[in-house]
Amino acid sequence: MNTSTANLLTSKCITILQEYEKVKAGQSTNFKTVDQLCKAHYVHRKDIHKYYERWMKSGKDRSSLLPQKRGPKVGKYKLLSKEEEHIILKIHRRLGANEFEIFHLLKNNFKTHPSVSTIYRTFKHYPLNKARKEKIKRYVKRYPGELLHADTYYLAKSIMQDRKYYYLFGIIDDYSRLAYVELIKAINAANVTKAFFHSVQYFLAHGFEPESVMTDNGVEFTAYTSQKAKKTHFFETMLNIVGIDHIYTRPYHPQTNGKIERFWRILLNECIVHLSFGQTIDTLTNELNSFLYHYNYEHRHGALDYQTSLNRLTAVTEMLK
């Protein structure tokens, strides 16, 4: 960008900022308040403040007012997708190939060819030897209802007919992987509590009573500001009434609630991405119910020795007879 173009792009902004300085100092002959300045130039007060700070920090350099370069910073996003990482791991495990051999095997197969160091880092991200496998803490609860995993999910407004944001409340039983999903209009304590109460009825209809539920520390699930506020929180109060223990995940650690996170990915890949645009609440609810029927009664889970959730529950029922 040449100097004349840069001056053209920043001239109006500098004029506004110089007038802004005068207004703040009480020396402007044109405007008495910042609001008058904003209305005259059709700008927002926050934008003036943002550009003024940027201008002052640069020593009033014109170039600081130019449009900033958009896009992610270098290294912010990973080079490889999950699918590409899985391909590298399969080659490494089945063929016993090292990072240098895989580097040559992958030529012209990925959109962006990974370097040797990127392939090696992929090895490090996943447990590929006995020592790393021992560090992984895997668990499955002993009986249905011992622990539920609950979470919320954001839906893109582009799939809805009214172009509004909608959300999903999801909950899954740790032992059987029996899942329940409900469409809600907002993520707040009232909506989540109502949906959770419906899920409890759903699990009771399948023959077991929930004992505890694990959630993150979102405001819809708990009030982490104080113990007094937590006791009066809508969701917490409902759990106390029905006698269900509340377990919290570690902050910024979604792996703690990994079972429901994995469920969201299955829901996305097998249901949501296949939906056509212009869904109504009724049609979306029908699609979700169809997916739940397949997931709970037909889908075989690898973590359950390829049993369905219904088979898992049936086996427990037969043991209790």
Protein backbone atom coordinates (compact mmCIF):
# COMPACT_ATOMS: atom_id res chain seq x y z
CA MET A 1 0.00 0.00 0.00
CA ASN A 2 1.49 3.35 -1.04
CA THR A 3 1.55 6.53 1.08
CA SER A 4 -1.26 8.33 -0.75
CA THR A 5 -3.63 5.39 -0.33
CA ALA A 6 -2.76 5.08 3.36
CA ASN A 7 -3.38 8.82 3.90
CA LEU A 8 -6.72 8.56 2.11
CA LEU A 9 -7.86 5.69 4.31
CA THR A 10 -6.80 7.31 7.58
CA SER A 11 -7.56 11.01 6.98
CA LYS A 12 -11.17 10.88 8.22
CA CYS A 13 -10.21 8.80 11.23
CA ILE A 14 -7.46 11.22 12.25
CA THR A 15 -9.83 14.17 11.90
CA ILE A 16 -12.31 12.49 14.24
CA LEU A 17 -9.61 11.54 16.76
CA GLN A 18 -8.14 15.03 16.82
CA GLU A 19 -11.61 16.45 17.43
CA TYR A 20 -12.13 13.79 20.10
CA GLU A 21 -9.03 15.02 21.93
CA LYS A 22 -10.36 18.58 21.86
CA VAL A 23 -13.77 17.53 23.18
CA LYS A 24 -12.15 15.59 26.04
CA ALA A 25 -10.01 18.62 26.88
CA GLY A 26 -12.99 21.00 26.62
CA GLN A 27 -11.33 22.96 23.79
CA SER A 28 -13.60 22.02 20.86
CA THR A 29 -15.58 24.80 19.20
CA ASN A 30 -17.76 22.37 17.24
CA PHE A 31 -18.97 19.83 19.80
CA LYS A 32 -19.71 19.95 23.50
CA THR A 33 -19.92 16.19 24.11
CA VAL A 34 -18.54 13.00 22.61
CA ASP A 35 -22.09 11.88 21.79
CA GLN A 36 -22.52 14.91 19.53
CA LEU A 37 -19.25 14.01 17.78
CA CYS A 38 -20.45 10.42 17.29
CA LYS A 39 -23.80 11.48 15.82
CA ALA A 40 -22.16 13.96 13.44
CA HIS A 41 -19.73 11.37 12.01
CA TYR A 42 -22.02 8.31 12.35
CA VAL A 43 -19.57 6.37 14.50
CA HIS A 44 -19.95 4.53 17.79
CA ARG A 45 -18.35 5.76 20.99
CA LYS A 46 -16.61 2.39 21.52
CA ASP A 47 -15.03 2.54 18.04
CA ILE A 48 -13.59 6.00 18.72
CA HIS A 49 -12.17 4.81 22.03
CA LYS A 50 -10.66 1.68 20.39
CA TYR A 51 -8.94 3.58 17.60
CA TYR A 52 -7.85 6.36 19.92
CA GLU A 53 -6.05 3.87 22.19
CA ARG A 54 -4.40 2.22 19.20
CA TRP A 55 -3.34 5.63 17.86
CA MET A 56 -1.87 6.78 21.18
CA LYS A 57 0.02 3.53 21.81
CA SER A 58 1.73 3.88 18.40
CA GLY A 59 2.82 7.45 19.11
CA LYS A 60 0.12 8.87 16.81
CA ASP A 61 1.35 6.89 13.83
CA ARG A 62 -1.11 6.94 10.88
CA SER A 63 -0.36 3.34 9.98
CA SER A 64 -1.87 2.13 13.27
CA LEU A 65 -5.29 3.23 11.97
CA LEU A 66 -5.13 1.11 8.85
CA PRO A 67 -7.31 -2.04 8.69
CA GLN A 68 -5.71 -4.88 10.64
CA LYS A 69 -4.82 -8.11 8.88
CA ARG A 70 -7.65 -10.59 9.30
CA GLY A 71 -7.39 -14.32 9.84
CA PRO A 72 -5.79 -16.57 12.43
CA LYS A 73 -2.34 -15.97 13.79
CA VAL A 74 0.45 -18.31 12.81
CA GLY A 75 0.25 -21.47 14.85
CA LYS A 76 -3.21 -20.76 16.23
CA TYR A 77 -4.82 -23.65 14.41
CA LYS A 78 -3.45 -27.09 13.80
CA LEU A 79 -2.16 -27.98 10.36
CA LEU A 80 -3.75 -31.45 10.36
CA SER A 81 -7.40 -32.34 10.77
CA LYS A 82 -8.50 -35.17 13.05
CA GLU A 83 -9.05 -37.45 10.04
CA GLU A 84 -5.53 -36.78 8.74
CA GLU A 85 -4.06 -37.45 12.19
CA HIS A 86 -5.90 -40.78 12.30
CA ILE A 87 -4.47 -41.74 8.90
CA ILE A 88 -0.94 -41.04 10.15
CA LEU A 89 -1.56 -43.09 13.29
CA LYS A 90 -2.95 -46.04 11.32
CA ILE A 91 0.13 -46.09 9.09
CA HIS A 92 2.38 -45.85 12.13
CA ARG A 93 0.63 -48.67 13.99
CA ARG A 94 -0.03 -51.13 11.16
CA LEU A 95 3.18 -50.68 9.17
CA GLY A 96 5.48 -49.65 12.00
CA ALA A 97 6.65 -46.70 9.87
CA ASN A 98 8.53 -43.83 11.49
CA GLU A 99 7.98 -40.13 10.82
CA PHE A 100 10.51 -40.00 7.96
CA GLU A 101 8.93 -42.93 6.11
CA ILE A 102 5.43 -41.53 6.61
CA PHE A 103 6.63 -38.15 5.30
CA HIS A 104 7.42 -39.78 1.92
CA LEU A 105 4.32 -42.01 1.92
CA LEU A 106 1.98 -39.03 2.29
CA LYS A 107 3.25 -37.00 -0.66
CA ASN A 108 0.36 -35.59 -2.73
CA ASN A 109 -2.23 -37.22 -0.43
CA PHE A 110 -3.00 -34.33 1.94
CA LYS A 111 -4.02 -30.79 1.00
CA THR A 112 -1.05 -29.48 2.97
CA HIS A 113 1.87 -31.85 3.21
CA PRO A 114 2.97 -32.13 6.88
CA SER A 115 6.60 -31.83 7.87
CA VAL A 116 8.53 -34.55 9.67
CA SER A 117 8.26 -32.64 12.96
CA THR A 118 4.47 -32.28 12.55
CA ILE A 119 4.13 -36.04 12.02
CA TYR A 120 6.30 -36.71 15.08
CA ARG A 121 4.18 -34.32 17.18
CA THR A 122 1.11 -36.28 16.06
CA PHE A 123 2.70 -39.41 17.55
CA LYS A 124 3.21 -37.55 20.82
CA HIS A 125 -0.42 -36.42 20.99
CA TYR A 126 -1.74 -39.99 21.11
CA PRO A 127 -0.82 -42.96 23.31
CA LEU A 128 1.13 -45.33 21.08
CA ASN A 129 3.03 -47.36 23.66
CA LYS A 130 2.34 -49.21 26.89
CA ALA A 131 3.65 -46.47 29.17
CA ARG A 132 1.32 -43.87 27.69
CA LYS A 133 -1.66 -46.22 27.67
CA GLU A 134 -1.23 -46.79 31.41
CA LYS A 135 -1.57 -43.06 32.01
CA ILE A 136 -5.03 -42.96 30.43
CA LYS A 137 -7.79 -43.17 33.01
CA ARG A 138 -10.71 -45.07 31.48
CA TYR A 139 -13.76 -45.89 33.53
CA VAL A 140 -17.29 -47.21 33.17
CA LYS A 141 -19.70 -47.01 36.07
CA ARG A 142 -20.97 -50.22 37.67
CA TYR A 143 -24.73 -49.79 37.15
CA PRO A 144 -27.25 -47.56 35.31
CA GLY A 145 -27.88 -44.17 36.88
CA GLU A 146 -24.70 -44.12 38.96
CA LEU A 147 -23.46 -41.14 36.93
CA LEU A 148 -25.01 -39.01 34.19
CA HIS A 149 -23.10 -36.60 31.96
CA ALA A 150 -24.97 -33.40 30.98
CA ASP A 151 -24.06 -30.53 28.67
CA THR A 152 -25.50 -27.98 26.21
CA TYR A 153 -24.85 -27.57 22.50
CA TYR A 154 -25.17 -24.59 20.15
CA LEU A 155 -27.00 -24.99 16.84
CA ALA A 156 -26.22 -22.83 13.83
CA LYS A 157 -29.08 -20.47 13.05
CA SER A 158 -28.64 -21.14 9.32
CA ILE A 159 -30.45 -24.48 9.60
CA MET A 160 -33.55 -22.94 11.17
CA GLN A 161 -36.42 -21.47 9.19
CA ASP A 162 -36.79 -18.41 11.45
CA ARG A 163 -33.01 -17.79 11.43
CA LYS A 164 -32.84 -17.77 15.24
CA TYR A 165 -30.38 -19.46 17.55
CA TYR A 166 -31.54 -22.67 19.22
CA TYR A 167 -29.71 -24.97 21.57
CA LEU A 168 -29.69 -28.58 22.69
CA PHE A 169 -29.62 -29.99 26.18
CA GLY A 170 -28.08 -33.45 26.20
CA ILE A 171 -27.53 -36.04 28.90
CA ILE A 172 -26.08 -39.55 28.75
CA ASP A 173 -25.85 -42.42 31.22
CA ASP A 174 -22.26 -43.48 31.88
CA TYR A 175 -22.98 -47.20 32.25
CA SER A 176 -25.39 -47.84 29.35
CA ARG A 177 -24.75 -44.76 27.13
CA LEU A 178 -28.51 -44.23 27.03
CA ALA A 179 -28.94 -40.64 25.83
CA TYR A 180 -31.61 -37.96 25.96
CA VAL A 181 -31.67 -34.71 23.93
CA GLU A 182 -34.11 -31.81 24.10
CA LEU A 183 -34.33 -28.64 22.00
CA ILE A 184 -34.33 -25.44 24.08
CA LYS A 185 -34.66 -21.80 23.03
CA ALA A 186 -32.09 -20.36 25.43
CA ILE A 187 -29.30 -21.61 27.65
CA ASN A 188 -30.41 -20.57 31.11
CA ALA A 189 -31.10 -22.29 34.40
CA ALA A 190 -34.87 -22.46 33.91
CA ASN A 191 -34.76 -24.14 30.48
CA VAL A 192 -31.96 -26.52 31.45
CA THR A 193 -33.71 -27.50 34.69
CA LYS A 194 -36.95 -28.23 32.84
CA ALA A 195 -35.12 -30.32 30.24
CA PHE A 196 -33.23 -32.21 32.95
CA PHE A 197 -36.49 -33.02 34.73
CA HIS A 198 -37.82 -34.47 31.46
CA SER A 199 -34.64 -36.56 31.12
CA VAL A 200 -35.11 -37.98 34.63
CA GLN A 201 -38.59 -39.12 33.63
CA TYR A 202 -37.07 -40.64 30.48
CA PHE A 203 -34.52 -42.63 32.47
CA LEU A 204 -37.15 -43.74 34.99
CA ALA A 205 -39.19 -45.09 32.08
CA HIS A 206 -36.14 -47.20 31.14
CA GLY A 207 -35.99 -48.73 34.59
CA PHE A 208 -33.36 -46.84 36.58
CA GLU A 209 -33.13 -43.79 38.81
CA PRO A 210 -30.28 -41.27 38.43
CA GLU A 211 -28.00 -40.84 41.45
CA SER A 212 -25.53 -38.17 40.30
CA VAL A 213 -24.92 -35.87 37.34
CA MET A 214 -21.69 -34.33 36.06
CA THR A 215 -21.77 -30.89 34.40
CA ASP A 216 -19.37 -28.06 33.65
CA ASN A 217 -19.39 -24.82 35.66
CA GLY A 218 -21.69 -22.93 33.29
CA VAL A 219 -24.17 -20.43 34.75
CA GLU A 220 -27.04 -22.64 33.61
CA PHE A 221 -25.82 -25.43 35.90
CA THR A 222 -24.40 -23.66 38.94
CA ALA A 223 -23.64 -20.30 40.53
CA TYR A 224 -19.92 -20.37 41.19
CA THR A 225 -19.77 -16.81 42.53
CA SER A 226 -20.60 -17.78 46.10
CA GLN A 227 -21.86 -20.69 48.19
CA LYS A 228 -25.00 -18.72 49.09
CA ALA A 229 -25.86 -18.12 45.43
CA LYS A 230 -25.17 -21.78 44.64
CA LYS A 231 -27.70 -22.94 47.23
CA THR A 232 -30.46 -20.82 45.67
CA HIS A 233 -29.59 -21.63 42.05
CA PHE A 234 -32.52 -23.04 40.05
CA PHE A 235 -30.72 -26.16 38.78
CA GLU A 236 -28.95 -26.85 42.09
CA THR A 237 -32.23 -26.49 43.99
CA MET A 238 -33.97 -28.98 41.72
CA LEU A 239 -31.18 -31.53 42.24
CA ASN A 240 -31.48 -31.16 46.01
CA ILE A 241 -35.25 -31.71 45.81
CA VAL A 242 -34.98 -34.94 43.79
CA GLY A 243 -31.90 -36.15 45.70
CA ILE A 244 -29.33 -36.20 42.88
CA ASP A 245 -25.68 -35.38 43.62
CA HIS A 246 -23.98 -32.70 41.50
CA ILE A 247 -20.40 -33.26 40.30
CA TYR A 248 -18.47 -30.45 38.59
CA THR A 249 -15.81 -30.77 35.92
CA ARG A 250 -12.44 -29.09 36.24
CA PRO A 251 -12.56 -25.60 34.66
CA TYR A 252 -11.37 -25.45 31.03
CA HIS A 253 -11.03 -29.24 30.91
CA PRO A 254 -13.84 -30.72 28.74
CA GLN A 255 -12.09 -34.12 28.76
CA THR A 256 -13.52 -34.67 32.26
CA ASN A 257 -16.97 -34.83 30.68
CA GLY A 258 -15.67 -36.59 27.59
CA LYS A 259 -18.56 -39.02 27.11
CA ILE A 260 -21.10 -36.28 26.42
CA GLU A 261 -18.55 -34.43 24.26
CA ARG A 262 -18.14 -37.57 22.16
CA PHE A 263 -21.92 -37.88 21.94
CA TRP A 264 -22.15 -34.35 20.51
CA ARG A 265 -19.67 -35.27 17.81
CA ILE A 266 -21.69 -38.36 16.85
CA LEU A 267 -24.86 -36.26 16.78
CA LEU A 268 -23.15 -33.71 14.54
CA ASN A 269 -21.74 -36.27 12.10
CA GLU A 270 -24.78 -38.54 11.89
CA CYS A 271 -27.65 -36.09 12.19
CA ILE A 272 -27.05 -32.34 12.14
CA VAL A 273 -24.77 -32.14 9.09
CA HIS A 274 -27.37 -34.04 7.06
CA LEU A 275 -30.22 -31.66 7.86
CA SER A 276 -31.57 -29.43 5.12
CA PHE A 277 -31.89 -25.68 5.65
CA GLY A 278 -35.20 -24.23 6.80
CA GLN A 279 -35.95 -26.56 9.71
CA THR A 280 -38.89 -25.75 11.96
CA ILE A 281 -38.97 -26.66 15.65
CA ASP A 282 -41.27 -29.61 14.89
CA THR A 283 -39.19 -31.03 12.02
CA LEU A 284 -35.94 -30.64 13.96
CA THR A 285 -37.46 -32.35 16.99
CA ASN A 286 -38.58 -35.25 14.78
CA GLU A 287 -35.07 -35.57 13.34
CA LEU A 288 -33.56 -35.60 16.83
CA ASN A 289 -36.02 -38.25 18.01
CA SER A 290 -35.17 -40.44 15.00
CA PHE A 291 -31.48 -40.11 15.77
CA LEU A 292 -32.05 -40.94 19.45
CA TYR A 293 -34.00 -44.08 18.53
CA HIS A 294 -31.08 -45.25 16.39
CA TYR A 295 -28.46 -44.25 18.97
CA ASN A 296 -30.19 -45.85 21.97
CA TYR A 297 -31.64 -49.00 20.40
CA GLU A 298 -29.58 -49.80 17.27
CA HIS A 299 -26.15 -48.18 17.55
CA ARG A 300 -23.44 -50.56 18.85
CA HIS A 301 -20.88 -48.91 21.12
CA GLY A 302 -17.26 -50.00 20.93
CA ALA A 303 -16.74 -49.09 24.60
CA LEU A 304 -19.58 -51.49 25.54
CA ASP A 305 -18.17 -54.48 23.66
CA TYR A 306 -20.36 -53.54 20.68
CA GLN A 307 -23.60 -53.79 22.58
CA THR A 308 -26.48 -51.37 22.15
CA SER A 309 -27.66 -49.30 25.10
CA LEU A 310 -30.86 -51.35 25.18
CA ASN A 311 -28.86 -54.62 25.31
CA ARG A 312 -26.79 -53.22 28.16
CA LEU A 313 -29.88 -52.31 30.17
CA THR A 314 -31.57 -55.63 29.37
CA ALA A 315 -28.55 -57.55 30.64
CA VAL A 316 -28.74 -55.72 33.99
CA THR A 317 -32.47 -56.42 34.25
CA GLU A 318 -31.90 -60.14 33.70
CA MET A 319 -29.22 -60.17 36.41
CA LEU A 320 -31.64 -58.66 38.92
CA LYS A 321 -34.33 -61.28 38.31
